[in-house]
Amino acid sequence: MTTTTLVTRLRALFGRGADDGRLGSTVSAARAVELVRDGAALLDVREHHEWRTGHAPQAVHLPLGQLDKAPQRLPKDGPVVVVCASGMRSRTAAKRLRDLGFEAASVAGGMGAWQRAGGAVRR
């Protein structure tokens, strides 16, 4: 008899198996930094004035309102980590990207969390 843990059931409920290696809908900033270092694309969906205050050097900038351009700007063959100021817009963007067939997750806590987790920021 196999015992199913609460975490396993929650992962299954939210679309991520226990060991399938896929992203959940949201990742911690520390995990996001690791993913990007390992080759994941980083998409920043903040507005232009927010981008100019500081952004990750490797990020693709595409404000949320222009997300329809994502298929032309992002690789389809790997994970996409999505960041905004707080994590609200990036959740919306990650969901839309998943609907388009991307493996995408939002960074919990936004750019502040990204920076606190050791993610580079260029001003």
N, C-alpha and C. Protein backbone atom coordinates (compact mmCIF):
# COMPACT_ATOMS: atom_id res chain seq x y z
N MET A 1 0.83 -1.19 0.00
CA MET A 1 0.00 0.00 0.00
C MET A 1 0.88 1.25 0.00
N THR A 2 0.59 2.20 -0.88
CA THR A 2 1.37 3.42 -1.00
C THR A 2 0.70 4.53 -0.19
N THR A 3 1.48 5.19 0.62
CA THR A 3 0.97 6.30 1.39
C THR A 3 1.18 7.57 0.59
N THR A 4 0.12 8.32 0.36
CA THR A 4 0.20 9.58 -0.36
C THR A 4 0.30 10.70 0.64
N THR A 5 1.36 11.49 0.53
CA THR A 5 1.53 12.60 1.45
C THR A 5 0.68 13.79 1.02
N LEU A 6 0.47 14.68 1.93
CA LEU A 6 -0.28 15.90 1.63
C LEU A 6 0.41 16.69 0.52
N VAL A 7 1.74 16.78 0.57
CA VAL A 7 2.47 17.52 -0.46
C VAL A 7 2.27 16.89 -1.82
N THR A 8 2.33 15.57 -1.91
CA THR A 8 2.12 14.87 -3.18
C THR A 8 0.73 15.14 -3.72
N ARG A 9 -0.26 15.09 -2.84
CA ARG A 9 -1.64 15.36 -3.29
C ARG A 9 -1.80 16.79 -3.75
N LEU A 10 -1.19 17.74 -3.04
CA LEU A 10 -1.28 19.15 -3.45
C LEU A 10 -0.58 19.37 -4.78
N ARG A 11 0.59 18.75 -4.96
CA ARG A 11 1.29 18.89 -6.25
C ARG A 11 0.43 18.35 -7.38
N ALA A 12 -0.19 17.22 -7.16
CA ALA A 12 -1.05 16.64 -8.20
C ALA A 12 -2.24 17.55 -8.46
N LEU A 13 -2.82 18.10 -7.41
CA LEU A 13 -3.97 18.99 -7.56
C LEU A 13 -3.61 20.23 -8.36
N PHE A 14 -2.40 20.77 -8.13
CA PHE A 14 -2.00 21.99 -8.80
C PHE A 14 -1.14 21.73 -10.04
N GLY A 15 -1.20 20.52 -10.56
CA GLY A 15 -0.58 20.25 -11.85
C GLY A 15 0.88 19.88 -11.82
N ARG A 16 1.41 19.47 -10.70
CA ARG A 16 2.81 19.09 -10.65
C ARG A 16 2.95 17.81 -9.86
N GLY A 17 3.43 16.79 -10.52
CA GLY A 17 3.66 15.52 -9.86
C GLY A 17 4.82 15.61 -8.90
N ALA A 18 4.94 14.64 -8.02
CA ALA A 18 5.99 14.65 -7.00
C ALA A 18 7.38 14.69 -7.59
N ASP A 19 7.62 13.94 -8.65
CA ASP A 19 8.96 13.83 -9.18
C ASP A 19 9.03 14.06 -10.68
N ASP A 20 8.09 14.81 -11.23
CA ASP A 20 8.08 14.94 -12.69
C ASP A 20 9.05 16.01 -13.20
N GLY A 21 9.65 16.79 -12.32
CA GLY A 21 10.64 17.76 -12.72
C GLY A 21 10.09 19.04 -13.32
N ARG A 22 8.80 19.13 -13.47
CA ARG A 22 8.20 20.33 -14.05
C ARG A 22 8.02 21.40 -12.99
N LEU A 23 7.93 22.62 -13.46
CA LEU A 23 7.70 23.74 -12.56
C LEU A 23 6.28 23.72 -12.03
N GLY A 24 6.10 24.25 -10.85
CA GLY A 24 4.77 24.53 -10.37
C GLY A 24 4.35 25.88 -10.94
N SER A 25 3.22 26.40 -10.54
CA SER A 25 2.77 27.69 -11.06
C SER A 25 3.54 28.85 -10.46
N THR A 26 4.13 28.65 -9.29
CA THR A 26 4.92 29.68 -8.60
C THR A 26 6.18 29.03 -8.06
N VAL A 27 7.29 29.76 -8.12
CA VAL A 27 8.54 29.28 -7.53
C VAL A 27 9.09 30.34 -6.59
N SER A 28 9.85 29.91 -5.61
CA SER A 28 10.51 30.86 -4.72
C SER A 28 11.56 31.62 -5.51
N ALA A 29 11.94 32.77 -5.00
CA ALA A 29 12.97 33.56 -5.68
C ALA A 29 14.29 32.80 -5.72
N ALA A 30 14.62 32.09 -4.65
CA ALA A 30 15.87 31.32 -4.63
C ALA A 30 15.85 30.25 -5.72
N ARG A 31 14.73 29.57 -5.88
CA ARG A 31 14.61 28.56 -6.93
C ARG A 31 14.66 29.21 -8.31
N ALA A 32 14.06 30.38 -8.45
CA ALA A 32 14.08 31.10 -9.73
C ALA A 32 15.51 31.46 -10.12
N VAL A 33 16.30 31.92 -9.16
CA VAL A 33 17.70 32.26 -9.43
C VAL A 33 18.44 31.01 -9.93
N GLU A 34 18.21 29.87 -9.28
CA GLU A 34 18.83 28.61 -9.70
C GLU A 34 18.41 28.23 -11.11
N LEU A 35 17.10 28.32 -11.37
CA LEU A 35 16.59 27.96 -12.69
C LEU A 35 17.21 28.80 -13.79
N VAL A 36 17.30 30.11 -13.56
CA VAL A 36 17.87 31.00 -14.57
C VAL A 36 19.35 30.71 -14.75
N ARG A 37 20.05 30.46 -13.65
CA ARG A 37 21.48 30.09 -13.77
C ARG A 37 21.65 28.81 -14.57
N ASP A 38 20.65 27.92 -14.51
CA ASP A 38 20.70 26.65 -15.24
C ASP A 38 20.15 26.75 -16.66
N GLY A 39 19.79 27.96 -17.10
CA GLY A 39 19.38 28.15 -18.48
C GLY A 39 17.93 28.51 -18.74
N ALA A 40 17.10 28.60 -17.70
CA ALA A 40 15.71 29.01 -17.91
C ALA A 40 15.68 30.46 -18.39
N ALA A 41 14.68 30.76 -19.20
CA ALA A 41 14.47 32.15 -19.62
C ALA A 41 13.83 32.92 -18.47
N LEU A 42 14.17 34.19 -18.37
CA LEU A 42 13.58 35.07 -17.36
C LEU A 42 12.82 36.16 -18.09
N LEU A 43 11.53 36.25 -17.82
CA LEU A 43 10.66 37.25 -18.45
C LEU A 43 10.21 38.25 -17.40
N ASP A 44 10.48 39.52 -17.65
CA ASP A 44 10.08 40.60 -16.76
C ASP A 44 8.86 41.28 -17.39
N VAL A 45 7.71 41.23 -16.70
CA VAL A 45 6.48 41.77 -17.26
C VAL A 45 6.09 43.13 -16.67
N ARG A 46 7.04 43.80 -16.02
CA ARG A 46 6.75 45.12 -15.47
C ARG A 46 6.69 46.17 -16.58
N GLU A 47 6.16 47.31 -16.25
CA GLU A 47 6.07 48.42 -17.21
C GLU A 47 7.45 49.03 -17.44
N HIS A 48 7.58 49.82 -18.49
CA HIS A 48 8.88 50.40 -18.87
C HIS A 48 9.51 51.21 -17.75
N HIS A 49 8.72 52.04 -17.04
CA HIS A 49 9.30 52.85 -15.98
C HIS A 49 9.81 51.98 -14.82
N GLU A 50 9.18 50.84 -14.57
CA GLU A 50 9.64 49.93 -13.53
C GLU A 50 10.93 49.23 -13.97
N TRP A 51 10.98 48.83 -15.22
CA TRP A 51 12.16 48.17 -15.79
C TRP A 51 13.39 49.06 -15.63
N ARG A 52 13.22 50.37 -15.89
CA ARG A 52 14.34 51.30 -15.82
C ARG A 52 14.86 51.49 -14.40
N THR A 53 14.07 51.17 -13.38
CA THR A 53 14.55 51.31 -11.99
C THR A 53 15.50 50.18 -11.60
N GLY A 54 15.54 49.11 -12.38
CA GLY A 54 16.43 47.99 -12.12
C GLY A 54 15.82 46.70 -12.61
N HIS A 55 16.62 45.89 -13.29
CA HIS A 55 16.14 44.63 -13.85
C HIS A 55 17.28 43.62 -13.90
N ALA A 56 16.93 42.37 -13.99
CA ALA A 56 17.93 41.31 -14.15
C ALA A 56 18.57 41.47 -15.53
N PRO A 57 19.90 41.41 -15.61
CA PRO A 57 20.56 41.65 -16.90
C PRO A 57 20.16 40.67 -18.00
N GLN A 58 19.81 39.46 -17.65
CA GLN A 58 19.48 38.45 -18.66
C GLN A 58 17.99 38.40 -18.98
N ALA A 59 17.20 39.25 -18.35
CA ALA A 59 15.75 39.20 -18.54
C ALA A 59 15.32 39.72 -19.91
N VAL A 60 14.26 39.11 -20.41
CA VAL A 60 13.55 39.61 -21.59
C VAL A 60 12.47 40.52 -21.04
N HIS A 61 12.39 41.74 -21.54
CA HIS A 61 11.37 42.68 -21.05
C HIS A 61 10.18 42.68 -22.00
N LEU A 62 9.04 42.36 -21.45
CA LEU A 62 7.80 42.34 -22.21
C LEU A 62 6.67 42.68 -21.25
N PRO A 63 6.24 43.95 -21.20
CA PRO A 63 5.18 44.31 -20.27
C PRO A 63 3.95 43.41 -20.44
N LEU A 64 3.24 43.20 -19.37
CA LEU A 64 2.10 42.28 -19.37
C LEU A 64 1.13 42.56 -20.52
N GLY A 65 0.90 43.81 -20.81
CA GLY A 65 -0.02 44.18 -21.88
C GLY A 65 0.46 43.78 -23.27
N GLN A 66 1.72 43.38 -23.40
CA GLN A 66 2.28 42.97 -24.69
C GLN A 66 2.60 41.48 -24.72
N LEU A 67 2.02 40.73 -23.80
CA LEU A 67 2.34 39.31 -23.67
C LEU A 67 2.03 38.51 -24.93
N ASP A 68 1.19 39.04 -25.80
CA ASP A 68 0.89 38.32 -27.05
C ASP A 68 2.13 38.17 -27.92
N LYS A 69 3.19 38.94 -27.66
CA LYS A 69 4.44 38.84 -28.42
C LYS A 69 5.38 37.78 -27.85
N ALA A 70 4.99 37.16 -26.75
CA ALA A 70 5.86 36.19 -26.07
C ALA A 70 6.31 35.04 -26.97
N PRO A 71 5.44 34.46 -27.78
CA PRO A 71 5.90 33.34 -28.60
C PRO A 71 7.06 33.70 -29.53
N GLN A 72 7.17 34.95 -29.95
CA GLN A 72 8.27 35.37 -30.80
C GLN A 72 9.53 35.72 -30.00
N ARG A 73 9.39 35.97 -28.72
CA ARG A 73 10.51 36.45 -27.91
C ARG A 73 11.10 35.42 -26.95
N LEU A 74 10.38 34.34 -26.72
CA LEU A 74 10.82 33.35 -25.73
C LEU A 74 11.06 31.99 -26.36
N PRO A 75 12.05 31.26 -25.83
CA PRO A 75 12.24 29.89 -26.32
C PRO A 75 11.13 28.99 -25.81
N LYS A 76 10.65 28.12 -26.66
CA LYS A 76 9.56 27.21 -26.28
C LYS A 76 10.07 25.91 -25.67
N ASP A 77 11.37 25.67 -25.76
CA ASP A 77 11.90 24.37 -25.38
C ASP A 77 12.46 24.31 -23.96
N GLY A 78 12.20 25.29 -23.15
CA GLY A 78 12.70 25.26 -21.78
C GLY A 78 11.80 26.06 -20.87
N PRO A 79 12.09 26.02 -19.58
CA PRO A 79 11.25 26.74 -18.62
C PRO A 79 11.39 28.26 -18.75
N VAL A 80 10.32 28.94 -18.38
CA VAL A 80 10.30 30.39 -18.35
C VAL A 80 9.91 30.81 -16.93
N VAL A 81 10.74 31.65 -16.33
CA VAL A 81 10.48 32.19 -15.01
C VAL A 81 10.00 33.62 -15.23
N VAL A 82 8.86 33.98 -14.66
CA VAL A 82 8.24 35.28 -14.90
C VAL A 82 8.29 36.11 -13.62
N VAL A 83 8.74 37.35 -13.76
CA VAL A 83 8.87 38.24 -12.60
C VAL A 83 8.19 39.57 -12.86
N CYS A 84 7.68 40.18 -11.80
CA CYS A 84 7.13 41.53 -11.84
C CYS A 84 7.55 42.21 -10.54
N ALA A 85 6.84 43.23 -10.13
CA ALA A 85 7.21 43.93 -8.90
C ALA A 85 6.89 43.14 -7.65
N SER A 86 5.73 42.49 -7.62
CA SER A 86 5.30 41.81 -6.39
C SER A 86 4.94 40.35 -6.55
N GLY A 87 4.69 39.92 -7.77
CA GLY A 87 4.27 38.55 -8.02
C GLY A 87 2.84 38.44 -8.53
N MET A 88 2.11 39.53 -8.55
CA MET A 88 0.72 39.50 -9.01
C MET A 88 0.63 39.41 -10.54
N ARG A 89 1.25 40.34 -11.23
CA ARG A 89 1.20 40.32 -12.70
C ARG A 89 1.92 39.09 -13.26
N SER A 90 3.00 38.69 -12.59
CA SER A 90 3.74 37.54 -13.10
C SER A 90 2.92 36.26 -13.00
N ARG A 91 2.04 36.16 -12.01
CA ARG A 91 1.15 34.99 -11.92
C ARG A 91 0.21 34.95 -13.12
N THR A 92 -0.35 36.11 -13.45
CA THR A 92 -1.24 36.20 -14.61
C THR A 92 -0.48 35.84 -15.89
N ALA A 93 0.72 36.39 -16.04
CA ALA A 93 1.52 36.12 -17.23
C ALA A 93 1.91 34.65 -17.31
N ALA A 94 2.34 34.06 -16.21
CA ALA A 94 2.74 32.65 -16.22
C ALA A 94 1.57 31.76 -16.61
N LYS A 95 0.39 32.07 -16.11
CA LYS A 95 -0.80 31.28 -16.47
C LYS A 95 -1.07 31.39 -17.96
N ARG A 96 -1.01 32.60 -18.50
CA ARG A 96 -1.25 32.79 -19.93
C ARG A 96 -0.20 32.05 -20.77
N LEU A 97 1.05 32.09 -20.30
CA LEU A 97 2.11 31.37 -21.02
C LEU A 97 1.89 29.86 -20.98
N ARG A 98 1.47 29.34 -19.83
CA ARG A 98 1.16 27.91 -19.75
C ARG A 98 0.04 27.54 -20.71
N ASP A 99 -0.96 28.43 -20.82
CA ASP A 99 -2.06 28.20 -21.76
C ASP A 99 -1.56 28.16 -23.21
N LEU A 100 -0.43 28.83 -23.48
CA LEU A 100 0.16 28.85 -24.82
C LEU A 100 1.15 27.70 -25.02
N GLY A 101 1.32 26.87 -24.01
CA GLY A 101 2.20 25.72 -24.14
C GLY A 101 3.57 25.86 -23.53
N PHE A 102 3.85 26.98 -22.89
CA PHE A 102 5.13 27.17 -22.22
C PHE A 102 5.12 26.51 -20.85
N GLU A 103 6.28 26.11 -20.38
CA GLU A 103 6.44 25.69 -18.99
C GLU A 103 6.85 26.95 -18.25
N ALA A 104 5.93 27.58 -17.54
CA ALA A 104 6.17 28.90 -16.95
C ALA A 104 5.73 28.94 -15.50
N ALA A 105 6.50 29.69 -14.70
CA ALA A 105 6.18 29.87 -13.29
C ALA A 105 6.46 31.30 -12.89
N SER A 106 5.69 31.79 -11.95
CA SER A 106 5.84 33.13 -11.41
C SER A 106 6.81 33.12 -10.24
N VAL A 107 7.60 34.18 -10.12
CA VAL A 107 8.51 34.33 -8.98
C VAL A 107 7.74 34.92 -7.81
N ALA A 108 7.62 34.16 -6.74
CA ALA A 108 6.94 34.64 -5.54
C ALA A 108 7.72 35.82 -4.95
N GLY A 109 7.04 36.91 -4.72
CA GLY A 109 7.67 38.07 -4.10
C GLY A 109 8.28 39.07 -5.06
N GLY A 110 8.28 38.77 -6.34
CA GLY A 110 8.71 39.72 -7.34
C GLY A 110 10.20 40.06 -7.32
N MET A 111 10.51 41.23 -7.88
CA MET A 111 11.91 41.65 -8.03
C MET A 111 12.63 41.84 -6.70
N GLY A 112 11.93 42.29 -5.69
CA GLY A 112 12.57 42.44 -4.38
C GLY A 112 13.06 41.10 -3.86
N ALA A 113 12.23 40.08 -3.98
CA ALA A 113 12.60 38.73 -3.54
C ALA A 113 13.73 38.20 -4.42
N TRP A 114 13.66 38.45 -5.72
CA TRP A 114 14.71 38.03 -6.65
C TRP A 114 16.06 38.57 -6.18
N GLN A 115 16.09 39.85 -5.89
CA GLN A 115 17.34 40.49 -5.47
C GLN A 115 17.82 39.96 -4.12
N ARG A 116 16.91 39.80 -3.17
CA ARG A 116 17.29 39.26 -1.85
C ARG A 116 17.83 37.83 -1.95
N ALA A 117 17.38 37.09 -2.97
CA ALA A 117 17.83 35.71 -3.15
C ALA A 117 19.17 35.62 -3.90
N GLY A 118 19.74 36.78 -4.24
CA GLY A 118 21.03 36.79 -4.92
C GLY A 118 20.96 36.99 -6.42
N GLY A 119 19.76 37.24 -6.93
CA GLY A 119 19.62 37.51 -8.36
C GLY A 119 20.21 38.86 -8.70
N ALA A 120 20.93 38.91 -9.79
CA ALA A 120 21.58 40.16 -10.22
C ALA A 120 20.54 41.18 -10.68
N VAL A 121 20.82 42.44 -10.40
CA VAL A 121 19.97 43.54 -10.86
C VAL A 121 20.86 44.63 -11.44
N ARG A 122 20.54 45.05 -12.63
CA ARG A 122 21.27 46.14 -13.30
C ARG A 122 20.41 47.40 -13.24
N ARG A 123 21.02 48.48 -12.89
CA ARG A 123 20.30 49.76 -12.83
C ARG A 123 20.76 50.67 -13.93
